Full PDB file with SEQRES, HELIX, SHEET, SSBOND, CRYST1, ORIGX, SCALE, CONECT and MASTER records, all heavy atoms in Angstrom:
SEQRES   1 A   33  ALA ARG LEU ALA ASP GLY GLY LEU VAL VAL TYR SER ALA          
SEQRES   2 A   33  ILE ALA LEU ASP GLU ALA GLN MET ALA ARG LEU ASP GLY          
SEQRES   3 A   33  LEU GLY ARG MET ALA TRP LEU                                  
HELIX    1 AA1 GLU A   18  ASP A   25  1                                   8    
SHEET    1 AA1 2 GLY A   7  VAL A   9  0                                        
SHEET    2 AA1 2 ARG A  29  TRP A  32  1                                        
CRYST1    1.000    1.000    1.000  90.00  90.00  90.00 P 1           1          
ORIGX1      1.000000  0.000000  0.000000        0.00000                         
ORIGX2      0.000000  1.000000  0.000000        0.00000                         
ORIGX3      0.000000  0.000000  1.000000        0.00000                         
SCALE1      1.000000  0.000000  0.000000        0.00000                         
SCALE2      0.000000  1.000000  0.000000        0.00000                         
SCALE3      0.000000  0.000000  1.000000        0.00000                         
ATOM      1  N   ALA A   1     -43.040  81.141   9.280  1.00  0.00           N  
ATOM      2  CA  ALA A   1     -42.373  82.328   8.791  1.00  0.00           C  
ATOM      3  C   ALA A   1     -41.727  83.068   9.941  1.00  0.00           C  
ATOM      4  O   ALA A   1     -42.354  83.205  11.043  1.00  0.00           O  
ATOM      5  CB  ALA A   1     -43.314  83.224   8.049  1.00  0.00           C  
ATOM      6  N   ARG A   2     -40.499  83.565   9.815  1.00  0.00           N  
ATOM      7  CA  ARG A   2     -39.850  84.307  10.843  1.00  0.00           C  
ATOM      8  C   ARG A   2     -39.969  85.814  10.536  1.00  0.00           C  
ATOM      9  O   ARG A   2     -39.668  86.235   9.455  1.00  0.00           O  
ATOM     10  CB  ARG A   2     -38.342  83.950  11.004  1.00  0.00           C  
ATOM     11  CG  ARG A   2     -37.716  84.673  12.180  1.00  0.00           C  
ATOM     12  CD  ARG A   2     -36.292  84.205  12.479  1.00  0.00           C  
ATOM     13  NE  ARG A   2     -35.510  84.121  11.302  1.00  0.00           N  
ATOM     14  CZ  ARG A   2     -34.529  83.206  11.095  1.00  0.00           C  
ATOM     15  NH1 ARG A   2     -34.282  82.294  11.985  1.00  0.00           N  
ATOM     16  NH2 ARG A   2     -33.840  83.206  10.013  1.00  0.00           N  
ATOM     17  N   LEU A   3     -40.438  86.516  11.550  1.00  0.00           N  
ATOM     18  CA  LEU A   3     -40.601  87.981  11.437  1.00  0.00           C  
ATOM     19  C   LEU A   3     -39.261  88.672  11.700  1.00  0.00           C  
ATOM     20  O   LEU A   3     -38.330  88.103  12.301  1.00  0.00           O  
ATOM     21  CB  LEU A   3     -41.635  88.446  12.449  1.00  0.00           C  
ATOM     22  CG  LEU A   3     -43.019  87.802  12.291  1.00  0.00           C  
ATOM     23  CD1 LEU A   3     -43.898  88.218  13.485  1.00  0.00           C  
ATOM     24  CD2 LEU A   3     -43.665  88.195  11.001  1.00  0.00           C  
ATOM     25  N   ALA A   4     -39.155  89.945  11.339  1.00  0.00           N  
ATOM     26  CA  ALA A   4     -37.942  90.697  11.510  1.00  0.00           C  
ATOM     27  C   ALA A   4     -37.562  90.800  12.990  1.00  0.00           C  
ATOM     28  O   ALA A   4     -36.372  90.851  13.325  1.00  0.00           O  
ATOM     29  CB  ALA A   4     -38.103  92.072  10.945  1.00  0.00           C  
ATOM     30  N   ASP A   5     -38.555  90.789  13.895  1.00  0.00           N  
ATOM     31  CA  ASP A   5     -38.251  90.876  15.330  1.00  0.00           C  
ATOM     32  C   ASP A   5     -37.910  89.531  15.985  1.00  0.00           C  
ATOM     33  O   ASP A   5     -37.741  89.419  17.189  1.00  0.00           O  
ATOM     34  CB  ASP A   5     -39.413  91.565  16.097  1.00  0.00           C  
ATOM     35  CG  ASP A   5     -40.678  90.671  16.140  1.00  0.00           C  
ATOM     36  OD1 ASP A   5     -40.674  89.533  15.640  1.00  0.00           O  
ATOM     37  OD2 ASP A   5     -41.666  91.161  16.705  1.00  0.00           O  
ATOM     38  N   GLY A   6     -37.839  88.445  15.178  1.00  0.00           N  
ATOM     39  CA  GLY A   6     -37.482  87.130  15.663  1.00  0.00           C  
ATOM     40  C   GLY A   6     -38.686  86.266  16.027  1.00  0.00           C  
ATOM     41  O   GLY A   6     -38.542  85.102  16.336  1.00  0.00           O  
ATOM     42  N   GLY A   7     -39.877  86.825  15.996  1.00  0.00           N  
ATOM     43  CA  GLY A   7     -41.048  86.078  16.258  1.00  0.00           C  
ATOM     44  C   GLY A   7     -41.374  85.111  15.078  1.00  0.00           C  
ATOM     45  O   GLY A   7     -41.013  85.393  13.949  1.00  0.00           O  
ATOM     46  N   LEU A   8     -42.048  84.027  15.406  1.00  0.00           N  
ATOM     47  CA  LEU A   8     -42.406  83.042  14.373  1.00  0.00           C  
ATOM     48  C   LEU A   8     -43.931  83.032  14.176  1.00  0.00           C  
ATOM     49  O   LEU A   8     -44.683  83.100  15.179  1.00  0.00           O  
ATOM     50  CB  LEU A   8     -41.975  81.635  14.772  1.00  0.00           C  
ATOM     51  CG  LEU A   8     -40.449  81.440  14.970  1.00  0.00           C  
ATOM     52  CD1 LEU A   8     -40.170  79.997  15.405  1.00  0.00           C  
ATOM     53  CD2 LEU A   8     -39.692  81.763  13.714  1.00  0.00           C  
ATOM     54  N   VAL A   9     -44.346  82.928  12.949  1.00  0.00           N  
ATOM     55  CA  VAL A   9     -45.785  82.795  12.612  1.00  0.00           C  
ATOM     56  C   VAL A   9     -45.941  81.315  12.179  1.00  0.00           C  
ATOM     57  O   VAL A   9     -45.352  80.909  11.145  1.00  0.00           O  
ATOM     58  CB  VAL A   9     -46.175  83.723  11.457  1.00  0.00           C  
ATOM     59  CG1 VAL A   9     -47.637  83.521  11.044  1.00  0.00           C  
ATOM     60  CG2 VAL A   9     -45.927  85.191  11.837  1.00  0.00           C  
ATOM     61  N   VAL A  10     -46.706  80.558  12.908  1.00  0.00           N  
ATOM     62  CA  VAL A  10     -46.884  79.124  12.648  1.00  0.00           C  
ATOM     63  C   VAL A  10     -48.243  79.000  11.957  1.00  0.00           C  
ATOM     64  O   VAL A  10     -49.254  79.272  12.561  1.00  0.00           O  
ATOM     65  CB  VAL A  10     -46.851  78.309  13.975  1.00  0.00           C  
ATOM     66  CG1 VAL A  10     -47.101  76.832  13.669  1.00  0.00           C  
ATOM     67  CG2 VAL A  10     -45.502  78.503  14.663  1.00  0.00           C  
ATOM     68  N   TYR A  11     -48.227  78.532  10.723  1.00  0.00           N  
ATOM     69  CA  TYR A  11     -49.379  78.434   9.853  1.00  0.00           C  
ATOM     70  C   TYR A  11     -49.761  76.981   9.713  1.00  0.00           C  
ATOM     71  O   TYR A  11     -48.999  76.166   9.230  1.00  0.00           O  
ATOM     72  CB  TYR A  11     -49.035  79.073   8.497  1.00  0.00           C  
ATOM     73  CG  TYR A  11     -50.114  79.064   7.452  1.00  0.00           C  
ATOM     74  CD1 TYR A  11     -50.882  80.184   7.226  1.00  0.00           C  
ATOM     75  CD2 TYR A  11     -50.313  77.959   6.681  1.00  0.00           C  
ATOM     76  CE1 TYR A  11     -51.869  80.197   6.263  1.00  0.00           C  
ATOM     77  CE2 TYR A  11     -51.282  77.944   5.675  1.00  0.00           C  
ATOM     78  CZ  TYR A  11     -52.073  79.058   5.468  1.00  0.00           C  
ATOM     79  OH  TYR A  11     -53.021  79.077   4.503  1.00  0.00           O  
ATOM     80  N   SER A  12     -50.982  76.641  10.146  1.00  0.00           N  
ATOM     81  CA  SER A  12     -51.479  75.267  10.077  1.00  0.00           C  
ATOM     82  C   SER A  12     -50.605  74.299  10.909  1.00  0.00           C  
ATOM     83  O   SER A  12     -49.970  73.412  10.343  1.00  0.00           O  
ATOM     84  CB  SER A  12     -51.665  74.789   8.647  1.00  0.00           C  
ATOM     85  OG  SER A  12     -52.457  73.651   8.573  1.00  0.00           O  
ATOM     86  N   ALA A  13     -50.595  74.520  12.180  1.00  0.00           N  
ATOM     87  CA  ALA A  13     -49.721  73.826  13.137  1.00  0.00           C  
ATOM     88  C   ALA A  13     -49.813  72.297  13.050  1.00  0.00           C  
ATOM     89  O   ALA A  13     -50.878  71.762  12.895  1.00  0.00           O  
ATOM     90  CB  ALA A  13     -49.925  74.278  14.529  1.00  0.00           C  
ATOM     91  N   ILE A  14     -48.628  71.661  13.184  1.00  0.00           N  
ATOM     92  CA  ILE A  14     -48.512  70.210  13.325  1.00  0.00           C  
ATOM     93  C   ILE A  14     -47.629  69.927  14.510  1.00  0.00           C  
ATOM     94  O   ILE A  14     -46.576  70.518  14.661  1.00  0.00           O  
ATOM     95  CB  ILE A  14     -47.853  69.583  12.071  1.00  0.00           C  
ATOM     96  CG1 ILE A  14     -48.722  69.729  10.817  1.00  0.00           C  
ATOM     97  CG2 ILE A  14     -47.565  68.098  12.291  1.00  0.00           C  
ATOM     98  CD1 ILE A  14     -48.046  69.225   9.541  1.00  0.00           C  
ATOM     99  N   ALA A  15     -48.065  69.031  15.413  1.00  0.00           N  
ATOM    100  CA  ALA A  15     -47.266  68.625  16.531  1.00  0.00           C  
ATOM    101  C   ALA A  15     -46.086  67.800  15.997  1.00  0.00           C  
ATOM    102  O   ALA A  15     -46.272  66.781  15.316  1.00  0.00           O  
ATOM    103  CB  ALA A  15     -48.061  67.805  17.536  1.00  0.00           C  
ATOM    104  N   LEU A  16     -44.854  68.272  16.284  1.00  0.00           N  
ATOM    105  CA  LEU A  16     -43.657  67.572  15.790  1.00  0.00           C  
ATOM    106  C   LEU A  16     -42.980  66.847  16.959  1.00  0.00           C  
ATOM    107  O   LEU A  16     -43.232  67.142  18.116  1.00  0.00           O  
ATOM    108  CB  LEU A  16     -42.681  68.615  15.180  1.00  0.00           C  
ATOM    109  CG  LEU A  16     -43.205  69.497  14.105  1.00  0.00           C  
ATOM    110  CD1 LEU A  16     -42.145  70.489  13.628  1.00  0.00           C  
ATOM    111  CD2 LEU A  16     -43.678  68.629  12.895  1.00  0.00           C  
ATOM    112  N   ASP A  17     -42.094  65.914  16.622  1.00  0.00           N  
ATOM    113  CA  ASP A  17     -41.337  65.226  17.642  1.00  0.00           C  
ATOM    114  C   ASP A  17     -40.381  66.252  18.332  1.00  0.00           C  
ATOM    115  O   ASP A  17     -40.162  67.392  17.827  1.00  0.00           O  
ATOM    116  CB  ASP A  17     -40.594  64.015  17.108  1.00  0.00           C  
ATOM    117  CG  ASP A  17     -39.570  64.347  16.026  1.00  0.00           C  
ATOM    118  OD1 ASP A  17     -38.915  65.398  16.097  1.00  0.00           O  
ATOM    119  OD2 ASP A  17     -39.399  63.527  15.136  1.00  0.00           O  
ATOM    120  N   GLU A  18     -39.821  65.828  19.468  1.00  0.00           N  
ATOM    121  CA  GLU A  18     -39.004  66.800  20.225  1.00  0.00           C  
ATOM    122  C   GLU A  18     -37.738  67.292  19.510  1.00  0.00           C  
ATOM    123  O   GLU A  18     -37.377  68.436  19.671  1.00  0.00           O  
ATOM    124  CB  GLU A  18     -38.639  66.179  21.607  1.00  0.00           C  
ATOM    125  CG  GLU A  18     -39.836  66.046  22.539  1.00  0.00           C  
ATOM    126  CD  GLU A  18     -40.622  67.370  22.703  1.00  0.00           C  
ATOM    127  OE1 GLU A  18     -39.994  68.396  22.947  1.00  0.00           O  
ATOM    128  OE2 GLU A  18     -41.857  67.318  22.659  1.00  0.00           O  
ATOM    129  N   ALA A  19     -37.175  66.471  18.688  1.00  0.00           N  
ATOM    130  CA  ALA A  19     -35.980  66.892  17.928  1.00  0.00           C  
ATOM    131  C   ALA A  19     -36.350  68.038  16.935  1.00  0.00           C  
ATOM    132  O   ALA A  19     -35.644  69.043  16.862  1.00  0.00           O  
ATOM    133  CB  ALA A  19     -35.336  65.741  17.186  1.00  0.00           C  
ATOM    134  N   GLN A  20     -37.465  67.873  16.249  1.00  0.00           N  
ATOM    135  CA  GLN A  20     -37.902  68.885  15.303  1.00  0.00           C  
ATOM    136  C   GLN A  20     -38.406  70.139  16.013  1.00  0.00           C  
ATOM    137  O   GLN A  20     -38.244  71.257  15.548  1.00  0.00           O  
ATOM    138  CB  GLN A  20     -38.972  68.365  14.333  1.00  0.00           C  
ATOM    139  CG  GLN A  20     -38.397  67.307  13.363  1.00  0.00           C  
ATOM    140  CD  GLN A  20     -37.256  67.841  12.540  1.00  0.00           C  
ATOM    141  OE1 GLN A  20     -37.375  68.792  11.814  1.00  0.00           O  
ATOM    142  NE2 GLN A  20     -36.093  67.223  12.708  1.00  0.00           N  
ATOM    143  N   MET A  21     -39.043  69.950  17.180  1.00  0.00           N  
ATOM    144  CA  MET A  21     -39.500  71.106  17.954  1.00  0.00           C  
ATOM    145  C   MET A  21     -38.302  71.865  18.480  1.00  0.00           C  
ATOM    146  O   MET A  21     -38.379  73.122  18.521  1.00  0.00           O  
ATOM    147  CB  MET A  21     -40.429  70.632  19.133  1.00  0.00           C  
ATOM    148  CG  MET A  21     -41.826  70.177  18.643  1.00  0.00           C  
ATOM    149  SD  MET A  21     -42.736  71.332  17.586  1.00  0.00           S  
ATOM    150  CE  MET A  21     -42.934  72.727  18.727  1.00  0.00           C  
ATOM    151  N   ALA A  22     -37.237  71.227  18.850  1.00  0.00           N  
ATOM    152  CA  ALA A  22     -36.027  71.917  19.296  1.00  0.00           C  
ATOM    153  C   ALA A  22     -35.459  72.760  18.171  1.00  0.00           C  
ATOM    154  O   ALA A  22     -35.038  73.876  18.372  1.00  0.00           O  
ATOM    155  CB  ALA A  22     -35.026  70.932  19.841  1.00  0.00           C  
ATOM    156  N   ARG A  23     -35.457  72.203  16.939  1.00  0.00           N  
ATOM    157  CA  ARG A  23     -34.987  72.957  15.770  1.00  0.00           C  
ATOM    158  C   ARG A  23     -35.863  74.177  15.581  1.00  0.00           C  
ATOM    159  O   ARG A  23     -35.358  75.284  15.310  1.00  0.00           O  
ATOM    160  CB  ARG A  23     -35.026  72.110  14.513  1.00  0.00           C  
ATOM    161  CG  ARG A  23     -33.923  71.107  14.397  1.00  0.00           C  
ATOM    162  CD  ARG A  23     -33.873  70.468  13.027  1.00  0.00           C  
ATOM    163  NE  ARG A  23     -33.635  71.426  11.965  1.00  0.00           N  
ATOM    164  CZ  ARG A  23     -34.010  71.297  10.705  1.00  0.00           C  
ATOM    165  NH1 ARG A  23     -34.668  70.212  10.327  1.00  0.00           N  
ATOM    166  NH2 ARG A  23     -33.785  72.223   9.821  1.00  0.00           N  
ATOM    167  N   LEU A  24     -37.198  74.022  15.679  1.00  0.00           N  
ATOM    168  CA  LEU A  24     -38.112  75.090  15.492  1.00  0.00           C  
ATOM    169  C   LEU A  24     -37.927  76.176  16.574  1.00  0.00           C  
ATOM    170  O   LEU A  24     -37.899  77.373  16.309  1.00  0.00           O  
ATOM    171  CB  LEU A  24     -39.524  74.541  15.514  1.00  0.00           C  
ATOM    172  CG  LEU A  24     -40.654  75.444  15.041  1.00  0.00           C  
ATOM    173  CD1 LEU A  24     -40.392  75.989  13.647  1.00  0.00           C  
ATOM    174  CD2 LEU A  24     -41.981  74.679  15.059  1.00  0.00           C  
ATOM    175  N   ASP A  25     -37.807  75.725  17.810  1.00  0.00           N  
ATOM    176  CA  ASP A  25     -37.569  76.673  18.924  1.00  0.00           C  
ATOM    177  C   ASP A  25     -36.282  77.463  18.707  1.00  0.00           C  
ATOM    178  O   ASP A  25     -36.215  78.641  19.105  1.00  0.00           O  
ATOM    179  CB  ASP A  25     -37.470  75.939  20.238  1.00  0.00           C  
ATOM    180  CG  ASP A  25     -38.867  75.493  20.769  1.00  0.00           C  
ATOM    181  OD1 ASP A  25     -39.868  76.195  20.458  1.00  0.00           O  
ATOM    182  OD2 ASP A  25     -38.937  74.486  21.456  1.00  0.00           O  
ATOM    183  N   GLY A  26     -35.299  76.891  18.066  1.00  0.00           N  
ATOM    184  CA  GLY A  26     -34.066  77.559  17.784  1.00  0.00           C  
ATOM    185  C   GLY A  26     -34.148  78.658  16.717  1.00  0.00           C  
ATOM    186  O   GLY A  26     -33.254  79.472  16.582  1.00  0.00           O  
ATOM    187  N   LEU A  27     -35.249  78.637  15.972  1.00  0.00           N  
ATOM    188  CA  LEU A  27     -35.441  79.656  14.919  1.00  0.00           C  
ATOM    189  C   LEU A  27     -35.949  80.957  15.441  1.00  0.00           C  
ATOM    190  O   LEU A  27     -35.833  81.990  14.776  1.00  0.00           O  
ATOM    191  CB  LEU A  27     -36.408  79.107  13.863  1.00  0.00           C  
ATOM    192  CG  LEU A  27     -35.925  77.896  13.077  1.00  0.00           C  
ATOM    193  CD1 LEU A  27     -37.030  77.435  12.144  1.00  0.00           C  
ATOM    194  CD2 LEU A  27     -34.662  78.165  12.305  1.00  0.00           C  
ATOM    195  N   GLY A  28     -36.593  80.963  16.572  1.00  0.00           N  
ATOM    196  CA  GLY A  28     -37.148  82.208  17.167  1.00  0.00           C  
ATOM    197  C   GLY A  28     -38.193  81.876  18.184  1.00  0.00           C  
ATOM    198  O   GLY A  28     -38.437  80.730  18.545  1.00  0.00           O  
ATOM    199  N   ARG A  29     -38.892  82.914  18.681  1.00  0.00           N  
ATOM    200  CA  ARG A  29     -39.943  82.706  19.682  1.00  0.00           C  
ATOM    201  C   ARG A  29     -41.319  82.544  18.964  1.00  0.00           C  
ATOM    202  O   ARG A  29     -41.545  83.144  17.947  1.00  0.00           O  
ATOM    203  CB  ARG A  29     -39.991  83.862  20.671  1.00  0.00           C  
ATOM    204  CG  ARG A  29     -40.440  85.152  20.040  1.00  0.00           C  
ATOM    205  CD  ARG A  29     -40.562  86.315  21.075  1.00  0.00           C  
ATOM    206  NE  ARG A  29     -40.656  87.551  20.360  1.00  0.00           N  
ATOM    207  CZ  ARG A  29     -41.689  87.938  19.650  1.00  0.00           C  
ATOM    208  NH1 ARG A  29     -42.770  87.186  19.547  1.00  0.00           N  
ATOM    209  NH2 ARG A  29     -41.666  89.063  18.992  1.00  0.00           N  
ATOM    210  N   MET A  30     -42.132  81.727  19.539  1.00  0.00           N  
ATOM    211  CA  MET A  30     -43.460  81.480  18.963  1.00  0.00           C  
ATOM    212  C   MET A  30     -44.313  82.699  19.189  1.00  0.00           C  
ATOM    213  O   MET A  30     -44.639  83.040  20.348  1.00  0.00           O  
ATOM    214  CB  MET A  30     -44.086  80.223  19.586  1.00  0.00           C  
ATOM    215  CG  MET A  30     -43.267  78.983  19.433  1.00  0.00           C  
ATOM    216  SD  MET A  30     -43.007  78.565  17.693  1.00  0.00           S  
ATOM    217  CE  MET A  30     -41.706  77.364  17.857  1.00  0.00           C  
ATOM    218  N   ALA A  31     -44.681  83.398  18.121  1.00  0.00           N  
ATOM    219  CA  ALA A  31     -45.445  84.658  18.251  1.00  0.00           C  
ATOM    220  C   ALA A  31     -46.925  84.504  17.839  1.00  0.00           C  
ATOM    221  O   ALA A  31     -47.814  84.974  18.542  1.00  0.00           O  
ATOM    222  CB  ALA A  31     -44.765  85.756  17.415  1.00  0.00           C  
ATOM    223  N   TRP A  32     -47.153  83.907  16.677  1.00  0.00           N  
ATOM    224  CA  TRP A  32     -48.527  83.781  16.127  1.00  0.00           C  
ATOM    225  C   TRP A  32     -48.798  82.340  15.769  1.00  0.00           C  
ATOM    226  O   TRP A  32     -48.012  81.660  15.098  1.00  0.00           O  
ATOM    227  CB  TRP A  32     -48.661  84.662  14.870  1.00  0.00           C  
ATOM    228  CG  TRP A  32     -48.822  86.102  15.201  1.00  0.00           C  
ATOM    229  CD1 TRP A  32     -47.820  87.022  15.269  1.00  0.00           C  
ATOM    230  CD2 TRP A  32     -50.035  86.791  15.454  1.00  0.00           C  
ATOM    231  NE1 TRP A  32     -48.322  88.235  15.559  1.00  0.00           N  
ATOM    232  CE2 TRP A  32     -49.699  88.130  15.676  1.00  0.00           C  
ATOM    233  CE3 TRP A  32     -51.383  86.403  15.522  1.00  0.00           C  
ATOM    234  CZ2 TRP A  32     -50.659  89.120  15.972  1.00  0.00           C  
ATOM    235  CZ3 TRP A  32     -52.330  87.370  15.813  1.00  0.00           C  
ATOM    236  CH2 TRP A  32     -51.965  88.673  16.037  1.00  0.00           C  
ATOM    237  N   LEU A  33     -50.019  81.927  16.086  1.00  0.00           N  
ATOM    238  CA  LEU A  33     -50.561  80.646  15.619  1.00  0.00           C  
ATOM    239  C   LEU A  33     -51.705  80.931  14.659  1.00  0.00           C  
ATOM    240  O   LEU A  33     -52.696  81.570  15.045  1.00  0.00           O  
ATOM    241  CB  LEU A  33     -51.120  79.869  16.837  1.00  0.00           C  
ATOM    242  CG  LEU A  33     -51.792  78.493  16.570  1.00  0.00           C  
ATOM    243  CD1 LEU A  33     -50.781  77.521  15.976  1.00  0.00           C  
ATOM    244  CD2 LEU A  33     -52.357  77.960  17.864  1.00  0.00           C  
TER     245      LEU A  33                                                      
MASTER        0    0    0    1    2    0    0    6  244    1    0    3          
END                                                                             
């Protein structure tokens, strides 16, 4: 979930390949695990 301040809340994390991690990184900054 992306927060209003651009932070991301990652719920039940899964290690993704680098292409998908790059997409995820493009959505915002990792704020909460």
